[in-house]
């Protein structure tokens, strides 16, 4: 395979790094692995909260690599989740960080 055939892969990898780096910089974590975990958690929560058509439309807008992350372990029969709301959404994301709790600013915003 020529290197030109890899341009799409290189581009999606670059876009994924940009998303992770931006999130890490915004949160001032200096921990790209943790920023990736947060991005993945939020994408999965969004995927499970949205109606099927909205979920598919949103997924189609993602860079290819992140689209794969978005659909990872998706079970269509379990979506959308019934208990939806800001507090439930944030609790779902927070639950993915039990061993490495998120800062209070994220958890505290469940009351906003």
PDB file of N, CA and C in Angstrom:
ATOM      1  N   UNK A   1       0.852  -1.181   0.000  1.00  0.00           N
ATOM      2  CA  UNK A   1       0.000   0.000   0.000  1.00  0.00           C
ATOM      3  C   UNK A   1       0.890   1.234   0.000  1.00  0.00           C
ATOM      4  N   UNK A   2       0.524   2.186  -0.819  1.00  0.00           N
ATOM      5  CA  UNK A   2       1.310   3.411  -0.874  1.00  0.00           C
ATOM      6  C   UNK A   2       1.006   4.297   0.324  1.00  0.00           C
ATOM      7  N   UNK A   3       1.910   5.222   0.573  1.00  0.00           N
ATOM      8  CA  UNK A   3       1.694   6.136   1.696  1.00  0.00           C
ATOM      9  C   UNK A   3       0.489   7.032   1.453  1.00  0.00           C
ATOM     10  N   UNK A   4       0.148   7.278   0.186  1.00  0.00           N
ATOM     11  CA  UNK A   4      -1.029   8.109  -0.083  1.00  0.00           C
ATOM     12  C   UNK A   4      -2.299   7.413   0.368  1.00  0.00           C
ATOM     13  N   UNK A   5      -2.312   6.097   0.412  1.00  0.00           N
ATOM     14  CA  UNK A   5      -3.473   5.361   0.882  1.00  0.00           C
ATOM     15  C   UNK A   5      -3.668   5.481   2.377  1.00  0.00           C
ATOM     16  N   UNK A   6      -2.655   5.950   3.079  1.00  0.00           N
ATOM     17  CA  UNK A   6      -2.731   6.100   4.533  1.00  0.00           C
ATOM     18  C   UNK A   6      -3.116   7.504   4.964  1.00  0.00           C
ATOM     19  N   UNK A   7      -3.306   8.401   4.013  1.00  0.00           N
ATOM     20  CA  UNK A   7      -3.613   9.793   4.360  1.00  0.00           C
ATOM     21  C   UNK A   7      -4.868   9.914   5.205  1.00  0.00           C
ATOM     22  N   UNK A   8      -5.888   9.144   4.889  1.00  0.00           N
ATOM     23  CA  UNK A   8      -7.127   9.200   5.666  1.00  0.00           C
ATOM     24  C   UNK A   8      -6.909   8.755   7.091  1.00  0.00           C
ATOM     25  N   UNK A   9      -6.115   7.713   7.279  1.00  0.00           N
ATOM     26  CA  UNK A   9      -5.813   7.239   8.631  1.00  0.00           C
ATOM     27  C   UNK A   9      -4.989   8.265   9.399  1.00  0.00           C
ATOM     28  N   UNK A  10      -4.015   8.829   8.730  1.00  0.00           N
ATOM     29  CA  UNK A  10      -3.182   9.836   9.381  1.00  0.00           C
ATOM     30  C   UNK A  10      -4.006  11.056   9.771  1.00  0.00           C
ATOM     31  N   UNK A  11      -4.951  11.433   8.920  1.00  0.00           N
ATOM     32  CA  UNK A  11      -5.787  12.600   9.202  1.00  0.00           C
ATOM     33  C   UNK A  11      -6.696  12.343  10.405  1.00  0.00           C
ATOM     34  N   UNK A  12      -7.330  11.175  10.457  1.00  0.00           N
ATOM     35  CA  UNK A  12      -8.225  10.897  11.584  1.00  0.00           C
ATOM     36  C   UNK A  12      -7.440  10.753  12.881  1.00  0.00           C
ATOM     37  N   UNK A  13      -6.236  10.223  12.814  1.00  0.00           N
ATOM     38  CA  UNK A  13      -5.385  10.138  13.996  1.00  0.00           C
ATOM     39  C   UNK A  13      -5.004  11.542  14.467  1.00  0.00           C
ATOM     40  N   UNK A  14      -4.673  12.414  13.521  1.00  0.00           N
ATOM     41  CA  UNK A  14      -4.335  13.801  13.865  1.00  0.00           C
ATOM     42  C   UNK A  14      -5.535  14.509  14.506  1.00  0.00           C
ATOM     43  N   UNK A  15      -6.723  14.342  13.933  1.00  0.00           N
ATOM     44  CA  UNK A  15      -7.923  14.975  14.498  1.00  0.00           C
ATOM     45  C   UNK A  15      -8.211  14.456  15.902  1.00  0.00           C
ATOM     46  N   UNK A  16      -8.037  13.161  16.111  1.00  0.00           N
ATOM     47  CA  UNK A  16      -8.274  12.575  17.429  1.00  0.00           C
ATOM     48  C   UNK A  16      -7.307  13.158  18.446  1.00  0.00           C
ATOM     49  N   UNK A  17      -6.045  13.285  18.074  1.00  0.00           N
ATOM     50  CA  UNK A  17      -5.057  13.894  18.970  1.00  0.00           C
ATOM     51  C   UNK A  17      -5.426  15.349  19.278  1.00  0.00           C
ATOM     52  N   UNK A  18      -5.922  16.065  18.289  1.00  0.00           N
ATOM     53  CA  UNK A  18      -6.330  17.455  18.513  1.00  0.00           C
ATOM     54  C   UNK A  18      -7.454  17.515  19.535  1.00  0.00           C
ATOM     55  N   UNK A  19      -8.457  16.660  19.390  1.00  0.00           N
ATOM     56  CA  UNK A  19      -9.578  16.643  20.343  1.00  0.00           C
ATOM     57  C   UNK A  19      -9.080  16.346  21.755  1.00  0.00           C
ATOM     58  N   UNK A  20      -8.232  15.325  21.879  1.00  0.00           N
ATOM     59  CA  UNK A  20      -7.721  14.929  23.205  1.00  0.00           C
ATOM     60  C   UNK A  20      -6.842  16.030  23.785  1.00  0.00           C
ATOM     61  N   UNK A  21      -5.959  16.581  22.979  1.00  0.00           N
ATOM     62  CA  UNK A  21      -5.068  17.645  23.450  1.00  0.00           C
ATOM     63  C   UNK A  21      -5.855  18.880  23.875  1.00  0.00           C
ATOM     64  N   UNK A  22      -6.880  19.247  23.100  1.00  0.00           N
ATOM     65  CA  UNK A  22      -7.707  20.404  23.459  1.00  0.00           C
ATOM     66  C   UNK A  22      -8.439  20.173  24.780  1.00  0.00           C
ATOM     67  N   UNK A  23      -8.999  19.001  24.949  1.00  0.00           N
ATOM     68  CA  UNK A  23      -9.697  18.688  26.192  1.00  0.00           C
ATOM     69  C   UNK A  23      -8.733  18.716  27.370  1.00  0.00           C
ATOM     70  N   UNK A  24      -7.569  18.099  27.198  1.00  0.00           N
ATOM     71  CA  UNK A  24      -6.559  18.067  28.253  1.00  0.00           C
ATOM     72  C   UNK A  24      -6.106  19.488  28.623  1.00  0.00           C
ATOM     73  N   UNK A  25      -5.891  20.318  27.615  1.00  0.00           N
ATOM     74  CA  UNK A  25      -5.457  21.700  27.869  1.00  0.00           C
ATOM     75  C   UNK A  25      -6.566  22.509  28.545  1.00  0.00           C
ATOM     76  N   UNK A  26      -7.800  22.337  28.092  1.00  0.00           N
ATOM     77  CA  UNK A  26      -8.920  23.066  28.677  1.00  0.00           C
ATOM     78  C   UNK A  26      -9.089  22.720  30.154  1.00  0.00           C
ATOM     79  N   UNK A  27      -8.941  21.440  30.481  1.00  0.00           N
ATOM     80  CA  UNK A  27      -9.101  20.996  31.862  1.00  0.00           C
ATOM     81  C   UNK A  27      -7.845  21.191  32.701  1.00  0.00           C
ATOM     82  N   UNK A  28      -6.744  21.543  32.040  1.00  0.00           N
ATOM     83  CA  UNK A  28      -5.447  21.740  32.695  1.00  0.00           C
ATOM     84  C   UNK A  28      -5.033  20.512  33.507  1.00  0.00           C
ATOM     85  N   UNK A  29      -5.263  19.335  32.932  1.00  0.00           N
ATOM     86  CA  UNK A  29      -4.926  18.088  33.615  1.00  0.00           C
ATOM     87  C   UNK A  29      -3.482  17.664  33.369  1.00  0.00           C
ATOM     88  N   UNK A  30      -2.956  17.961  32.198  1.00  0.00           N
ATOM     89  CA  UNK A  30      -1.641  17.462  31.805  1.00  0.00           C
ATOM     90  C   UNK A  30      -1.613  15.933  31.893  1.00  0.00           C
ATOM     91  N   UNK A  31      -2.699  15.320  31.447  1.00  0.00           N
ATOM     92  CA  UNK A  31      -2.850  13.867  31.498  1.00  0.00           C
ATOM     93  C   UNK A  31      -3.731  13.452  30.320  1.00  0.00           C
ATOM     94  N   UNK A  32      -3.087  13.232  29.180  1.00  0.00           N
ATOM     95  CA  UNK A  32      -3.837  12.941  27.953  1.00  0.00           C
ATOM     96  C   UNK A  32      -4.588  11.621  28.024  1.00  0.00           C
ATOM     97  N   UNK A  33      -4.063  10.648  28.738  1.00  0.00           N
ATOM     98  CA  UNK A  33      -4.774   9.370  28.872  1.00  0.00           C
ATOM     99  C   UNK A  33      -6.086   9.572  29.622  1.00  0.00           C
ATOM    100  N   UNK A  34      -6.066  10.393  30.636  1.00  0.00           N
ATOM    101  CA  UNK A  34      -7.276  10.675  31.416  1.00  0.00           C
ATOM    102  C   UNK A  34      -8.263  11.504  30.583  1.00  0.00           C
ATOM    103  N   UNK A  35      -7.741  12.461  29.808  1.00  0.00           N
ATOM    104  CA  UNK A  35      -8.595  13.262  28.928  1.00  0.00           C
ATOM    105  C   UNK A  35      -9.264  12.358  27.897  1.00  0.00           C
ATOM    106  N   UNK A  36      -8.542  11.385  27.374  1.00  0.00           N
ATOM    107  CA  UNK A  36      -9.132  10.426  26.432  1.00  0.00           C
ATOM    108  C   UNK A  36     -10.237   9.617  27.116  1.00  0.00           C
ATOM    109  N   UNK A  37     -10.003   9.183  28.334  1.00  0.00           N
ATOM    110  CA  UNK A  37     -11.020   8.427  29.073  1.00  0.00           C
ATOM    111  C   UNK A  37     -12.281   9.271  29.263  1.00  0.00           C
ATOM    112  N   UNK A  38     -12.106  10.554  29.566  1.00  0.00           N
ATOM    113  CA  UNK A  38     -13.256  11.430  29.734  1.00  0.00           C
ATOM    114  C   UNK A  38     -13.999  11.608  28.407  1.00  0.00           C
ATOM    115  N   UNK A  39     -13.263  11.838  27.341  1.00  0.00           N
ATOM    116  CA  UNK A  39     -13.880  11.988  26.027  1.00  0.00           C
ATOM    117  C   UNK A  39     -14.675  10.741  25.661  1.00  0.00           C
ATOM    118  N   UNK A  40     -14.092   9.579  25.877  1.00  0.00           N
ATOM    119  CA  UNK A  40     -14.750   8.315  25.583  1.00  0.00           C
ATOM    120  C   UNK A  40     -16.008   8.155  26.433  1.00  0.00           C
ATOM    121  N   UNK A  41     -15.923   8.474  27.695  1.00  0.00           N
ATOM    122  CA  UNK A  41     -17.060   8.358  28.599  1.00  0.00           C
ATOM    123  C   UNK A  41     -18.206   9.269  28.171  1.00  0.00           C
ATOM    124  N   UNK A  42     -17.884  10.503  27.814  1.00  0.00           N
ATOM    125  CA  UNK A  42     -18.903  11.461  27.386  1.00  0.00           C
ATOM    126  C   UNK A  42     -19.521  11.012  26.062  1.00  0.00           C
ATOM    127  N   UNK A  43     -18.694  10.543  25.134  1.00  0.00           N
ATOM    128  CA  UNK A  43     -19.234  10.056  23.859  1.00  0.00           C
ATOM    129  C   UNK A  43     -20.191   8.885  24.077  1.00  0.00           C
ATOM    130  N   UNK A  44     -19.826   7.960  24.955  1.00  0.00           N
ATOM    131  CA  UNK A  44     -20.702   6.816  25.232  1.00  0.00           C
ATOM    132  C   UNK A  44     -21.995   7.258  25.911  1.00  0.00           C
ATOM    133  N   UNK A  45     -21.898   8.198  26.830  1.00  0.00           N
ATOM    134  CA  UNK A  45     -23.103   8.694  27.492  1.00  0.00           C
ATOM    135  C   UNK A  45     -24.017   9.391  26.482  1.00  0.00           C
ATOM    136  N   UNK A  46     -23.446  10.223  25.620  1.00  0.00           N
ATOM    137  CA  UNK A  46     -24.246  10.884  24.583  1.00  0.00           C
ATOM    138  C   UNK A  46     -24.917   9.859  23.679  1.00  0.00           C
ATOM    139  N   UNK A  47     -24.156   8.891  23.254  1.00  0.00           N
ATOM    140  CA  UNK A  47     -24.672   7.843  22.370  1.00  0.00           C
ATOM    141  C   UNK A  47     -25.882   7.151  22.991  1.00  0.00           C
ATOM    142  N   UNK A  48     -25.799   6.884  24.277  1.00  0.00           N
ATOM    143  CA  UNK A  48     -26.871   6.162  24.959  1.00  0.00           C
ATOM    144  C   UNK A  48     -28.039   7.059  25.348  1.00  0.00           C
ATOM    145  N   UNK A  49     -27.857   8.371  25.353  1.00  0.00           N
ATOM    146  CA  UNK A  49     -28.910   9.316  25.725  1.00  0.00           C
ATOM    147  C   UNK A  49     -29.757   9.701  24.520  1.00  0.00           C
ATOM    148  N   UNK A  50     -29.134   9.758  23.354  1.00  0.00           N
ATOM    149  CA  UNK A  50     -29.824  10.262  22.166  1.00  0.00           C
ATOM    150  C   UNK A  50     -30.765   9.215  21.576  1.00  0.00           C
ATOM    151  N   UNK A  51     -31.785   9.703  20.898  1.00  0.00           N
ATOM    152  CA  UNK A  51     -32.659   8.822  20.127  1.00  0.00           C
ATOM    153  C   UNK A  51     -31.831   8.233  18.981  1.00  0.00           C
ATOM    154  N   UNK A  52     -32.244   7.087  18.456  1.00  0.00           N
ATOM    155  CA  UNK A  52     -31.457   6.352  17.467  1.00  0.00           C
ATOM    156  C   UNK A  52     -31.037   7.213  16.272  1.00  0.00           C
ATOM    157  N   UNK A  53     -31.966   7.948  15.695  1.00  0.00           N
ATOM    158  CA  UNK A  53     -31.637   8.763  14.525  1.00  0.00           C
ATOM    159  C   UNK A  53     -30.656   9.880  14.885  1.00  0.00           C
ATOM    160  N   UNK A  54     -30.860  10.519  16.025  1.00  0.00           N
ATOM    161  CA  UNK A  54     -29.944  11.571  16.480  1.00  0.00           C
ATOM    162  C   UNK A  54     -28.568  11.002  16.767  1.00  0.00           C
ATOM    163  N   UNK A  55     -28.558   9.830  17.378  1.00  0.00           N
ATOM    164  CA  UNK A  55     -27.302   9.169  17.726  1.00  0.00           C
ATOM    165  C   UNK A  55     -26.491   8.860  16.471  1.00  0.00           C
ATOM    166  N   UNK A  56     -27.148   8.320  15.453  1.00  0.00           N
ATOM    167  CA  UNK A  56     -26.454   7.988  14.212  1.00  0.00           C
ATOM    168  C   UNK A  56     -25.976   9.246  13.498  1.00  0.00           C
ATOM    169  N   UNK A  57     -26.797  10.286  13.489  1.00  0.00           N
ATOM    170  CA  UNK A  57     -26.404  11.543  12.847  1.00  0.00           C
ATOM    171  C   UNK A  57     -25.186  12.150  13.546  1.00  0.00           C
ATOM    172  N   UNK A  58     -25.197  12.161  14.877  1.00  0.00           N
ATOM    173  CA  UNK A  58     -24.056  12.686  15.631  1.00  0.00           C
ATOM    174  C   UNK A  58     -22.800  11.865  15.338  1.00  0.00           C
ATOM    175  N   UNK A  59     -22.919  10.541  15.379  1.00  0.00           N
ATOM    176  CA  UNK A  59     -21.777   9.675  15.129  1.00  0.00           C
ATOM    177  C   UNK A  59     -21.169   9.897  13.756  1.00  0.00           C
ATOM    178  N   UNK A  60     -22.002  10.172  12.765  1.00  0.00           N
ATOM    179  CA  UNK A  60     -21.510  10.402  11.410  1.00  0.00           C
ATOM    180  C   UNK A  60     -20.660  11.660  11.302  1.00  0.00           C
ATOM    181  N   UNK A  61     -20.808  12.579  12.242  1.00  0.00           N
ATOM    182  CA  UNK A  61     -20.055  13.833  12.212  1.00  0.00           C
ATOM    183  C   UNK A  61     -18.671  13.712  12.846  1.00  0.00           C
ATOM    184  N   UNK A  62     -18.440  12.616  13.554  1.00  0.00           N
ATOM    185  CA  UNK A  62     -17.169  12.444  14.269  1.00  0.00           C
ATOM    186  C   UNK A  62     -16.054  12.018  13.334  1.00  0.00           C
ATOM    187  N   UNK A  63     -14.810  12.378  13.669  1.00  0.00           N
ATOM    188  CA  UNK A  63     -13.681  11.828  12.919  1.00  0.00           C
ATOM    189  C   UNK A  63     -13.727  10.298  12.992  1.00  0.00           C
ATOM    190  N   UNK A  64     -13.257   9.633  11.978  1.00  0.00           N
ATOM    191  CA  UNK A  64     -13.384   8.183  11.847  1.00  0.00           C
ATOM    192  C   UNK A  64     -12.937   7.429  13.092  1.00  0.00           C
ATOM    193  N   UNK A  65     -11.795   7.758  13.633  1.00  0.00           N
ATOM    194  CA  UNK A  65     -11.288   7.044  14.802  1.00  0.00           C
ATOM    195  C   UNK A  65     -12.198   7.244  16.013  1.00  0.00           C
ATOM    196  N   UNK A  66     -12.653   8.459  16.224  1.00  0.00           N
ATOM    197  CA  UNK A  66     -13.556   8.724  17.341  1.00  0.00           C
ATOM    198  C   UNK A  66     -14.927   8.101  17.103  1.00  0.00           C
ATOM    199  N   UNK A  67     -15.319   7.945  15.852  1.00  0.00           N
ATOM    200  CA  UNK A  67     -16.571   7.262  15.546  1.00  0.00           C
ATOM    201  C   UNK A  67     -16.493   5.805  16.011  1.00  0.00           C
ATOM    202  N   UNK A  68     -15.354   5.195  15.840  1.00  0.00           N
ATOM    203  CA  UNK A  68     -15.170   3.834  16.333  1.00  0.00           C
ATOM    204  C   UNK A  68     -15.269   3.774  17.849  1.00  0.00           C
ATOM    205  N   UNK A  69     -14.685   4.744  18.527  1.00  0.00           N
ATOM    206  CA  UNK A  69     -14.767   4.822  19.989  1.00  0.00           C
ATOM    207  C   UNK A  69     -16.226   5.009  20.402  1.00  0.00           C
ATOM    208  N   UNK A  70     -16.929   5.864  19.694  1.00  0.00           N
ATOM    209  CA  UNK A  70     -18.330   6.184  19.976  1.00  0.00           C
ATOM    210  C   UNK A  70     -19.211   4.925  19.930  1.00  0.00           C
ATOM    211  N   UNK A  71     -19.003   4.097  18.925  1.00  0.00           N
ATOM    212  CA  UNK A  71     -19.835   2.900  18.757  1.00  0.00           C
ATOM    213  C   UNK A  71     -19.318   1.681  19.526  1.00  0.00           C
ATOM    214  N   UNK A  72     -18.151   1.781  20.116  1.00  0.00           N
ATOM    215  CA  UNK A  72     -17.570   0.660  20.856  1.00  0.00           C
ATOM    216  C   UNK A  72     -18.530   0.184  21.959  1.00  0.00           C
ATOM    217  N   UNK A  73     -18.794  -1.101  21.985  1.00  0.00           N
ATOM    218  CA  UNK A  73     -19.646  -1.770  22.977  1.00  0.00           C
ATOM    219  C   UNK A  73     -21.088  -1.257  22.992  1.00  0.00           C
ATOM    220  N   UNK A  74     -21.539  -0.694  21.891  1.00  0.00           N
ATOM    221  CA  UNK A  74     -22.904  -0.187  21.812  1.00  0.00           C
ATOM    222  C   UNK A  74     -23.889  -1.341  21.712  1.00  0.00           C
ATOM    223  N   UNK A  75     -24.945  -1.267  22.507  1.00  0.00           N
ATOM    224  CA  UNK A  75     -26.033  -2.244  22.455  1.00  0.00           C
ATOM    225  C   UNK A  75     -27.312  -1.480  22.113  1.00  0.00           C
ATOM    226  N   UNK A  76     -27.746  -1.548  20.864  1.00  0.00           N
ATOM    227  CA  UNK A  76     -28.920  -0.776  20.437  1.00  0.00           C
ATOM    228  C   UNK A  76     -30.162  -1.047  21.281  1.00  0.00           C
ATOM    229  N   UNK A  77     -30.324  -2.256  21.775  1.00  0.00           N
ATOM    230  CA  UNK A  77     -31.530  -2.566  22.548  1.00  0.00           C
ATOM    231  C   UNK A  77     -31.564  -1.833  23.885  1.00  0.00           C
ATOM    232  N   UNK A  78     -30.442  -1.351  24.345  1.00  0.00           N
ATOM    233  CA  UNK A  78     -30.387  -0.645  25.625  1.00  0.00           C
ATOM    234  C   UNK A  78     -30.436   0.859  25.505  1.00  0.00           C
ATOM    235  N   UNK A  79     -30.703   1.349  24.295  1.00  0.00           N
ATOM    236  CA  UNK A  79     -30.708   2.797  24.097  1.00  0.00           C
ATOM    237  C   UNK A  79     -32.003   3.241  23.446  1.00  0.00           C
ATOM    238  N   UNK A  80     -32.422   4.440  23.680  1.00  0.00           N
ATOM    239  CA  UNK A  80     -31.832   5.356  24.642  1.00  0.00           C
ATOM    240  C   UNK A  80     -32.189   4.961  26.078  1.00  0.00           C
ATOM    241  N   UNK A  81     -31.365   5.386  26.986  1.00  0.00           N
ATOM    242  CA  UNK A  81     -31.642   5.106  28.393  1.00  0.00           C
ATOM    243  C   UNK A  81     -32.891   5.887  28.792  1.00  0.00           C
ATOM    244  N   UNK A  82     -33.621   5.361  29.750  1.00  0.00           N
ATOM    245  CA  UNK A  82     -34.881   5.990  30.152  1.00  0.00           C
ATOM    246  C   UNK A  82     -34.671   7.148  31.103  1.00  0.00           C
ATOM    247  N   UNK A  83     -33.750   6.989  32.045  1.00  0.00           N
ATOM    248  CA  UNK A  83     -33.518   8.054  33.019  1.00  0.00           C
ATOM    249  C   UNK A  83     -32.505   9.026  32.428  1.00  0.00           C
ATOM    250  N   UNK A  84     -33.059  10.123  31.882  1.00  0.00           N
ATOM    251  CA  UNK A  84     -32.187  11.109  31.256  1.00  0.00           C
ATOM    252  C   UNK A  84     -32.363  12.441  31.952  1.00  0.00           C
ATOM    253  N   UNK A  85     -31.287  13.148  32.029  1.00  0.00           N
ATOM    254  CA  UNK A  85     -31.261  14.464  32.651  1.00  0.00           C
ATOM    255  C   UNK A  85     -29.823  14.808  32.948  1.00  0.00           C
ATOM    256  N   UNK A  86     -29.589  16.038  33.261  1.00  0.00           N
ATOM    257  CA  UNK A  86     -28.233  16.512  33.499  1.00  0.00           C
ATOM    258  C   UNK A  86     -27.549  15.741  34.633  1.00  0.00           C
ATOM    259  N   UNK A  87     -28.247  15.580  35.749  1.00  0.00           N
ATOM    260  CA  UNK A  87     -27.647  14.897  36.896  1.00  0.00           C
ATOM    261  C   UNK A  87     -27.327  13.443  36.566  1.00  0.00           C
ATOM    262  N   UNK A  88     -28.245  12.757  35.892  1.00  0.00           N
ATOM    263  CA  UNK A  88     -28.014  11.354  35.535  1.00  0.00           C
ATOM    264  C   UNK A  88     -26.868  11.225  34.535  1.00  0.00           C
ATOM    265  N   UNK A  89     -26.801  12.161  33.585  1.00  0.00           N
ATOM    266  CA  UNK A  89     -25.730  12.149  32.586  1.00  0.00           C
ATOM    267  C   UNK A  89     -24.372  12.299  33.266  1.00  0.00           C
ATOM    268  N   UNK A  90     -24.262  13.312  34.133  1.00  0.00           N
ATOM    269  CA  UNK A  90     -22.991  13.554  34.810  1.00  0.00           C
ATOM    270  C   UNK A  90     -22.638  12.422  35.770  1.00  0.00           C
ATOM    271  N   UNK A  91     -23.647  11.840  36.400  1.00  0.00           N
ATOM    272  CA  UNK A  91     -23.389  10.695  37.283  1.00  0.00           C
ATOM    273  C   UNK A  91     -22.860   9.513  36.483  1.00  0.00           C
ATOM    274  N   UNK A  92     -23.366   9.334  35.282  1.00  0.00           N
ATOM    275  CA  UNK A  92     -22.889   8.246  34.421  1.00  0.00           C
ATOM    276  C   UNK A  92     -21.415   8.444  34.082  1.00  0.00           C
ATOM    277  N   UNK A  93     -21.057   9.656  33.691  1.00  0.00           N
ATOM    278  CA  UNK A  93     -19.656   9.948  33.360  1.00  0.00           C
ATOM    279  C   UNK A  93     -18.797   9.815  34.616  1.00  0.00           C
ATOM    280  N   UNK A  94     -19.266  10.378  35.720  1.00  0.00           N
ATOM    281  CA  UNK A  94     -18.526  10.305  36.981  1.00  0.00           C
ATOM    282  C   UNK A  94     -18.310   8.858  37.407  1.00  0.00           C
ATOM    283  N   UNK A  95     -19.274   7.991  37.122  1.00  0.00           N
ATOM    284  CA  UNK A  95     -19.153   6.580  37.470  1.00  0.00           C
ATOM    285  C   UNK A  95     -18.001   5.882  36.775  1.00  0.00           C
ATOM    286  N   UNK A  96     -17.592   6.396  35.632  1.00  0.00           N
ATOM    287  CA  UNK A  96     -16.450   5.825  34.918  1.00  0.00           C
ATOM    288  C   UNK A  96     -15.118   6.215  35.550  1.00  0.00           C
ATOM    289  N   UNK A  97     -15.165   7.065  36.577  1.00  0.00           N
ATOM    290  CA  UNK A  97     -13.950   7.561  37.222  1.00  0.00           C
ATOM    291  C   UNK A  97     -13.938   7.262  38.720  1.00  0.00           C
ATOM    292  N   UNK A  98     -14.519   6.141  39.107  1.00  0.00           N
ATOM    293  CA  UNK A  98     -14.576   5.790  40.533  1.00  0.00           C
ATOM    294  C   UNK A  98     -13.189   5.653  41.144  1.00  0.00           C
ATOM    295  N   UNK A  99     -12.254   5.083  40.402  1.00  0.00           N
ATOM    296  CA  UNK A  99     -10.895   4.898  40.906  1.00  0.00           C
ATOM    297  C   UNK A  99     -10.042   6.150  40.761  1.00  0.00           C
ATOM    298  N   UNK A 100     -10.530   7.097  39.993  1.00  0.00           N
ATOM    299  CA  UNK A 100      -9.786   8.324  39.685  1.00  0.00           C
ATOM    300  C   UNK A 100     -10.803   9.460  39.595  1.00  0.00           C
ATOM    301  N   UNK A 101     -11.374   9.887  40.747  1.00  0.00           N
ATOM    302  CA  UNK A 101     -12.501  10.825  40.737  1.00  0.00           C
ATOM    303  C   UNK A 101     -12.235  12.110  39.961  1.00  0.00           C
ATOM    304  N   UNK A 102     -13.302  12.572  39.312  1.00  0.00           N
ATOM    305  CA  UNK A 102     -13.234  13.832  38.589  1.00  0.00           C
ATOM    306  C   UNK A 102     -13.227  14.991  39.577  1.00  0.00           C
ATOM    307  N   UNK A 103     -12.724  16.138  39.155  1.00  0.00           N
ATOM    308  CA  UNK A 103     -12.719  17.320  40.036  1.00  0.00           C
ATOM    309  C   UNK A 103     -14.140  17.692  40.466  1.00  0.00           C
ATOM    310  N   UNK A 104     -14.251  18.326  41.600  1.00  0.00           N
ATOM    311  CA  UNK A 104     -15.546  18.726  42.143  1.00  0.00           C
ATOM    312  C   UNK A 104     -16.344  19.608  41.198  1.00  0.00           C
ATOM    313  N   UNK A 105     -15.675  20.371  40.340  1.00  0.00           N
ATOM    314  CA  UNK A 105     -16.407  21.265  39.469  1.00  0.00           C
ATOM    315  C   UNK A 105     -17.327  20.504  38.524  1.00  0.00           C
ATOM    316  N   UNK A 106     -16.950  19.310  38.126  1.00  0.00           N
ATOM    317  CA  UNK A 106     -17.801  18.515  37.249  1.00  0.00           C
ATOM    318  C   UNK A 106     -18.937  17.903  38.052  1.00  0.00           C
ATOM    319  N   UNK A 107     -18.630  17.315  39.189  1.00  0.00           N
ATOM    320  CA  UNK A 107     -19.644  16.679  40.016  1.00  0.00           C
ATOM    321  C   UNK A 107     -20.586  17.717  40.595  1.00  0.00           C
ATOM    322  N   UNK A 108     -20.061  18.853  41.024  1.00  0.00           N
ATOM    323  CA  UNK A 108     -20.886  19.904  41.626  1.00  0.00           C
ATOM    324  C   UNK A 108     -21.882  20.471  40.632  1.00  0.00           C
ATOM    325  N   UNK A 109     -21.563  20.414  39.340  1.00  0.00           N
ATOM    326  CA  UNK A 109     -22.458  20.995  38.351  1.00  0.00           C
ATOM    327  C   UNK A 109     -23.732  20.187  38.179  1.00  0.00           C
ATOM    328  N   UNK A 110     -23.852  19.032  38.831  1.00  0.00           N
ATOM    329  CA  UNK A 110     -25.093  18.263  38.742  1.00  0.00           C
ATOM    330  C   UNK A 110     -26.228  18.983  39.441  1.00  0.00           C
ATOM    331  N   UNK A 111     -25.925  19.958  40.279  1.00  0.00           N
ATOM    332  CA  UNK A 111     -26.957  20.699  41.003  1.00  0.00           C
ATOM    333  C   UNK A 111     -27.331  22.006  40.319  1.00  0.00           C
ATOM    334  N   UNK A 112     -26.628  22.306  39.235  1.00  0.00           N
ATOM    335  CA  UNK A 112     -26.873  23.582  38.537  1.00  0.00           C
ATOM    336  C   UNK A 112     -28.123  23.506  37.689  1.00  0.00           C
TER     337      UNK A 112
END
